[in-house]
Amino acid sequence: MLKHSKLKIVILAVVLIVAALAGAGFYIVSTYTVKTVYVEGNVHYTEDEIKAIVMDGAWGNNSLYLSMKYKNRGVEGIPFVDVMDVTILAPDTVRIKVYEKVLTGYVKHLGAYLYFDKDGYVVESSSVKTAGVPQITGLTFDHVAVGEALPVEDPKVFESILNITKLLGKYGMSADRIHFGASNEVTIYFKEIKVALGNDSRTLEDKLMLLPSLLPNLEGKAGTLQMETYSESGGRYIFRPDE
């Protein structure tokens, strides 16, 4: 009889535990179901694409699960994304913060776009051209691999590329292409306009800061703006239309 009573107590305890777990599970599922999502920091992917990536799977619509899964977590297999972080703003509302890989430029190789960082390391290989990242031409290399530095003859060229892209951003410009000549002379392409800057890095910013006032006057034209020689006295630069 005593054994029977103990068995009833054990069964009752198990039932209560199961009921408590079921109740807790129901509360979590019903309360923390995501209804509103804010996405920040995304450039290469749309909000819907980020949501689809983050909220994939059986528990993909649960804010508690997402906040634990994506707590400053590095991600793999998603080109251009380094880290994603999910923060709960309310039980049914989350914010997805996307930290994308910093891209300085890209080179074309065997039909692919190879994007690299400030140190020349290839970050991603893609069949998609990304807006806002300039193509870099004039570099010579015989092989390339994702995760390794582009094996160029002079690695200091990546310092030049970083400096140019920073200055372009500083003055509100986005170039289509940056070309390095045989003597490291720089030519920047803005659609059909080529800006020849020469190879004197000391006057580079002085020249680039003038471009926002010069380029609008050349809109719709095709040719070369020759800025190889900088004149502090305010000399005029020559524009030579394409023939």
Protein backbone atom coordinates (compact mmCIF):
# COMPACT_ATOMS: atom_id res chain seq x y z
CA MET A 1 0.00 0.00 0.00
CA LEU A 2 2.91 2.31 0.86
CA LYS A 3 4.58 1.54 -2.47
CA HIS A 4 1.32 2.33 -4.27
CA SER A 5 1.09 5.72 -2.54
CA LYS A 6 4.70 6.54 -3.43
CA LEU A 7 4.02 5.60 -7.04
CA LYS A 8 1.04 7.95 -7.13
CA ILE A 9 3.18 10.75 -5.73
CA VAL A 10 5.88 10.14 -8.34
CA ILE A 11 3.33 10.05 -11.15
CA LEU A 12 1.69 13.22 -9.85
CA ALA A 13 5.07 14.95 -9.65
CA VAL A 14 5.91 13.92 -13.20
CA VAL A 15 2.53 15.15 -14.43
CA LEU A 16 3.01 18.49 -12.68
CA ILE A 17 6.52 18.89 -14.11
CA VAL A 18 5.32 18.05 -17.61
CA ALA A 19 2.40 20.45 -17.22
CA ALA A 20 4.73 23.20 -15.97
CA LEU A 21 7.13 22.63 -18.87
CA ALA A 22 4.25 22.61 -21.34
CA GLY A 23 2.90 25.81 -19.83
CA ALA A 24 6.30 27.46 -19.96
CA GLY A 25 6.76 26.31 -23.55
CA PHE A 26 3.36 27.66 -24.53
CA TYR A 27 4.13 30.97 -22.83
CA ILE A 28 7.49 31.29 -24.59
CA VAL A 29 6.05 30.37 -27.99
CA SER A 30 3.01 32.62 -27.70
CA THR A 31 4.77 35.58 -26.08
CA TYR A 32 8.08 35.60 -27.95
CA THR A 33 6.79 35.04 -31.48
CA VAL A 34 8.38 37.68 -33.69
CA LYS A 35 5.97 40.06 -35.37
CA THR A 36 8.20 43.08 -36.04
CA VAL A 37 11.78 43.06 -37.33
CA TYR A 38 14.14 45.99 -37.82
CA VAL A 39 17.26 45.49 -39.94
CA GLU A 40 20.30 47.78 -39.74
CA GLY A 41 23.69 47.88 -41.42
CA ASN A 42 22.75 45.92 -44.53
CA VAL A 43 24.12 47.12 -47.88
CA HIS A 44 24.64 44.07 -50.07
CA TYR A 45 21.41 42.35 -49.02
CA THR A 46 17.83 43.60 -48.77
CA GLU A 47 15.90 43.55 -45.50
CA ASP A 48 13.83 40.60 -46.73
CA GLU A 49 16.97 38.65 -47.63
CA ILE A 50 18.48 39.26 -44.16
CA LYS A 51 15.23 38.22 -42.48
CA ALA A 52 15.11 35.02 -44.54
CA ILE A 53 18.70 34.16 -43.56
CA VAL A 54 18.31 34.88 -39.83
CA MET A 55 14.79 33.56 -39.30
CA ASP A 56 15.30 30.23 -41.03
CA GLY A 57 14.36 26.97 -39.31
CA ALA A 58 11.68 25.72 -36.91
CA TRP A 59 12.44 28.31 -34.19
CA GLY A 60 13.28 31.09 -36.59
CA ASN A 61 10.32 33.21 -35.47
CA ASN A 62 11.16 33.05 -31.73
CA SER A 63 12.91 36.13 -30.40
CA LEU A 64 14.57 34.35 -27.43
CA TYR A 65 16.05 31.69 -29.69
CA LEU A 66 17.27 34.25 -32.23
CA SER A 67 18.89 36.47 -29.60
CA MET A 68 20.86 33.51 -28.25
CA LYS A 69 21.77 32.12 -31.67
CA TYR A 70 22.95 35.45 -33.09
CA LYS A 71 24.67 37.12 -30.13
CA ASN A 72 27.61 38.85 -31.85
CA ARG A 73 28.02 35.68 -33.86
CA GLY A 74 30.32 35.36 -36.83
CA VAL A 75 28.55 33.81 -39.79
CA GLU A 76 29.82 31.48 -42.47
CA GLY A 77 28.60 30.86 -45.98
CA ILE A 78 27.06 34.32 -46.40
CA PRO A 79 29.20 36.45 -48.72
CA PHE A 80 30.02 39.98 -47.53
CA VAL A 81 28.65 39.44 -43.98
CA ASP A 82 31.03 39.15 -41.04
CA VAL A 83 28.79 39.25 -37.94
CA MET A 84 25.06 39.46 -37.24
CA ASP A 85 23.57 40.39 -33.89
CA VAL A 86 19.91 40.02 -32.84
CA THR A 87 18.60 42.17 -29.99
CA ILE A 88 15.15 41.82 -28.38
CA LEU A 89 13.41 45.22 -28.27
CA ALA A 90 10.13 43.71 -27.04
CA PRO A 91 8.98 40.08 -26.74
CA ASP A 92 7.60 40.23 -30.29
CA THR A 93 10.11 42.73 -31.74
CA VAL A 94 13.78 42.24 -32.65
CA ARG A 95 16.52 44.26 -34.26
CA ILE A 96 18.99 42.54 -36.59
CA LYS A 97 22.30 44.39 -36.79
CA VAL A 98 24.39 43.37 -39.79
CA TYR A 99 28.14 43.93 -39.76
CA GLU A 100 29.38 43.56 -43.31
CA LYS A 101 32.94 42.86 -44.34
CA VAL A 102 34.86 46.01 -45.24
CA LEU A 103 35.63 45.97 -48.96
CA THR A 104 38.20 48.28 -50.53
CA GLY A 105 37.93 47.17 -54.15
CA TYR A 106 37.63 44.23 -56.51
CA VAL A 107 39.49 42.68 -59.41
CA LYS A 108 38.04 40.57 -62.19
CA HIS A 109 39.60 37.16 -62.63
CA LEU A 110 38.34 34.23 -64.71
CA GLY A 111 34.86 35.70 -64.91
CA ALA A 112 34.52 36.29 -61.16
CA TYR A 113 34.54 39.44 -59.05
CA LEU A 114 37.17 39.07 -56.33
CA TYR A 115 36.59 41.53 -53.49
CA PHE A 116 39.47 42.39 -51.18
CA ASP A 117 40.00 44.33 -47.94
CA LYS A 118 42.36 47.17 -47.03
CA ASP A 119 45.31 44.78 -46.74
CA GLY A 120 44.67 43.13 -50.10
CA TYR A 121 43.22 39.91 -48.68
CA VAL A 122 40.52 38.42 -50.89
CA VAL A 123 37.32 38.41 -48.84
CA GLU A 124 34.83 36.97 -51.31
CA SER A 125 34.55 35.61 -54.83
CA SER A 126 31.21 36.43 -56.41
CA SER A 127 29.44 36.42 -59.74
CA VAL A 128 27.59 39.58 -58.66
CA LYS A 129 28.98 43.08 -59.11
CA THR A 130 28.47 45.18 -56.00
CA ALA A 131 27.58 48.84 -56.30
CA GLY A 132 29.80 51.29 -54.46
CA VAL A 133 32.97 49.16 -54.64
CA PRO A 134 35.43 50.28 -57.34
CA GLN A 135 37.12 47.93 -59.77
CA ILE A 136 40.91 48.04 -59.49
CA THR A 137 42.86 47.52 -62.70
CA GLY A 138 46.54 47.55 -63.58
CA LEU A 139 47.50 45.01 -60.89
CA THR A 140 49.33 41.92 -62.08
CA PHE A 141 49.14 38.53 -60.36
CA ASP A 142 49.31 34.93 -61.53
CA HIS A 143 46.98 33.27 -59.02
CA VAL A 144 44.41 34.17 -56.41
CA ALA A 145 42.62 32.44 -53.52
CA VAL A 146 39.91 33.53 -51.12
CA GLY A 147 41.42 34.24 -47.70
CA GLU A 148 44.84 35.05 -49.12
CA ALA A 149 46.41 38.35 -50.16
CA LEU A 150 46.52 39.20 -53.84
CA PRO A 151 50.12 38.33 -54.86
CA VAL A 152 50.94 41.66 -56.46
CA GLU A 153 54.49 42.86 -57.08
CA ASP A 154 54.25 45.79 -54.65
CA PRO A 155 51.87 45.28 -51.69
CA LYS A 156 52.11 48.99 -50.87
CA VAL A 157 49.60 49.52 -53.66
CA PHE A 158 46.86 48.52 -51.20
CA GLU A 159 47.76 51.51 -49.01
CA SER A 160 47.28 53.71 -52.04
CA ILE A 161 43.94 52.10 -52.86
CA LEU A 162 42.71 52.56 -49.28
CA ASN A 163 43.84 56.18 -49.25
CA ILE A 164 42.09 56.92 -52.55
CA THR A 165 38.81 55.26 -51.54
CA LYS A 166 38.83 57.08 -48.20
CA LEU A 167 39.34 60.42 -49.91
CA LEU A 168 36.62 59.67 -52.45
CA GLY A 169 34.23 58.93 -49.59
CA LYS A 170 35.36 62.03 -47.71
CA TYR A 171 34.39 64.22 -50.65
CA GLY A 172 31.17 62.36 -51.43
CA MET A 173 32.26 60.55 -54.58
CA SER A 174 32.03 56.97 -55.77
CA ALA A 175 34.33 55.81 -58.59
CA ASP A 176 33.64 53.05 -61.07
CA ARG A 177 37.28 52.12 -61.53
CA ILE A 178 40.75 53.00 -60.27
CA HIS A 179 43.62 52.18 -62.60
CA PHE A 180 47.32 51.98 -61.73
CA GLY A 181 49.75 52.51 -64.60
CA ALA A 182 53.23 51.11 -65.09
CA SER A 183 54.78 53.95 -63.05
CA ASN A 184 52.00 53.90 -60.42
CA GLU A 185 50.21 56.82 -62.06
CA VAL A 186 46.58 56.82 -60.99
CA THR A 187 43.55 57.24 -63.25
CA ILE A 188 40.06 57.28 -61.75
CA TYR A 189 37.01 56.52 -63.88
CA PHE A 190 33.62 58.14 -63.30
CA LYS A 191 31.40 56.64 -66.02
CA GLU A 192 32.79 58.10 -69.28
CA ILE A 193 35.11 60.57 -67.56
CA LYS A 194 38.73 59.61 -66.87
CA VAL A 195 40.62 61.67 -64.31
CA ALA A 196 44.39 61.38 -64.73
CA LEU A 197 46.03 62.18 -61.38
CA GLY A 198 49.66 61.26 -61.99
CA ASN A 199 51.74 59.49 -59.35
CA ASP A 200 52.45 62.23 -56.80
CA SER A 201 50.67 61.12 -53.63
CA ARG A 202 51.49 64.42 -51.89
CA THR A 203 49.00 66.36 -54.03
CA LEU A 204 46.37 63.63 -54.28
CA GLU A 205 43.93 65.12 -51.77
CA ASP A 206 44.36 68.61 -53.20
CA LYS A 207 43.23 67.27 -56.56
CA LEU A 208 40.41 65.07 -55.32
CA MET A 209 38.87 67.83 -53.22
CA LEU A 210 38.38 69.82 -56.44
CA LEU A 211 36.56 67.07 -58.32
CA PRO A 212 33.07 67.60 -56.81
CA SER A 213 33.09 71.08 -58.38
CA LEU A 214 34.60 69.95 -61.70
CA LEU A 215 32.72 66.75 -62.52
CA PRO A 216 29.22 68.29 -62.81
CA ASN A 217 30.51 70.47 -65.64
CA LEU A 218 31.60 67.34 -67.53
CA GLU A 219 28.34 65.42 -67.13
CA GLY A 220 27.28 63.75 -70.37
CA LYS A 221 30.74 64.05 -71.88
CA ALA A 222 33.45 61.47 -72.51
CA GLY A 223 37.14 62.16 -72.21
CA THR A 224 40.10 62.72 -69.89
CA LEU A 225 40.52 65.41 -67.27
CA GLN A 226 44.27 65.86 -67.02
CA MET A 227 45.25 66.64 -63.43
CA GLU A 228 48.75 65.23 -63.43
CA THR A 229 50.26 68.61 -62.56
CA TYR A 230 48.86 70.50 -59.60
CA SER A 231 49.23 74.27 -59.51
CA GLU A 232 48.81 76.03 -56.18
CA SER A 233 48.35 79.29 -58.03
CA GLY A 234 45.02 77.98 -59.37
CA GLY A 235 45.99 77.04 -62.88
CA ARG A 236 43.33 75.38 -65.04
CA TYR A 237 43.24 71.69 -65.79
CA ILE A 238 42.75 70.53 -69.38
CA PHE A 239 39.85 68.30 -70.44
CA ARG A 240 40.46 66.34 -73.62
CA PRO A 241 37.33 64.83 -75.18
CA ASP A 242 37.54 61.34 -76.63
CA GLU A 243 37.85 61.34 -80.39
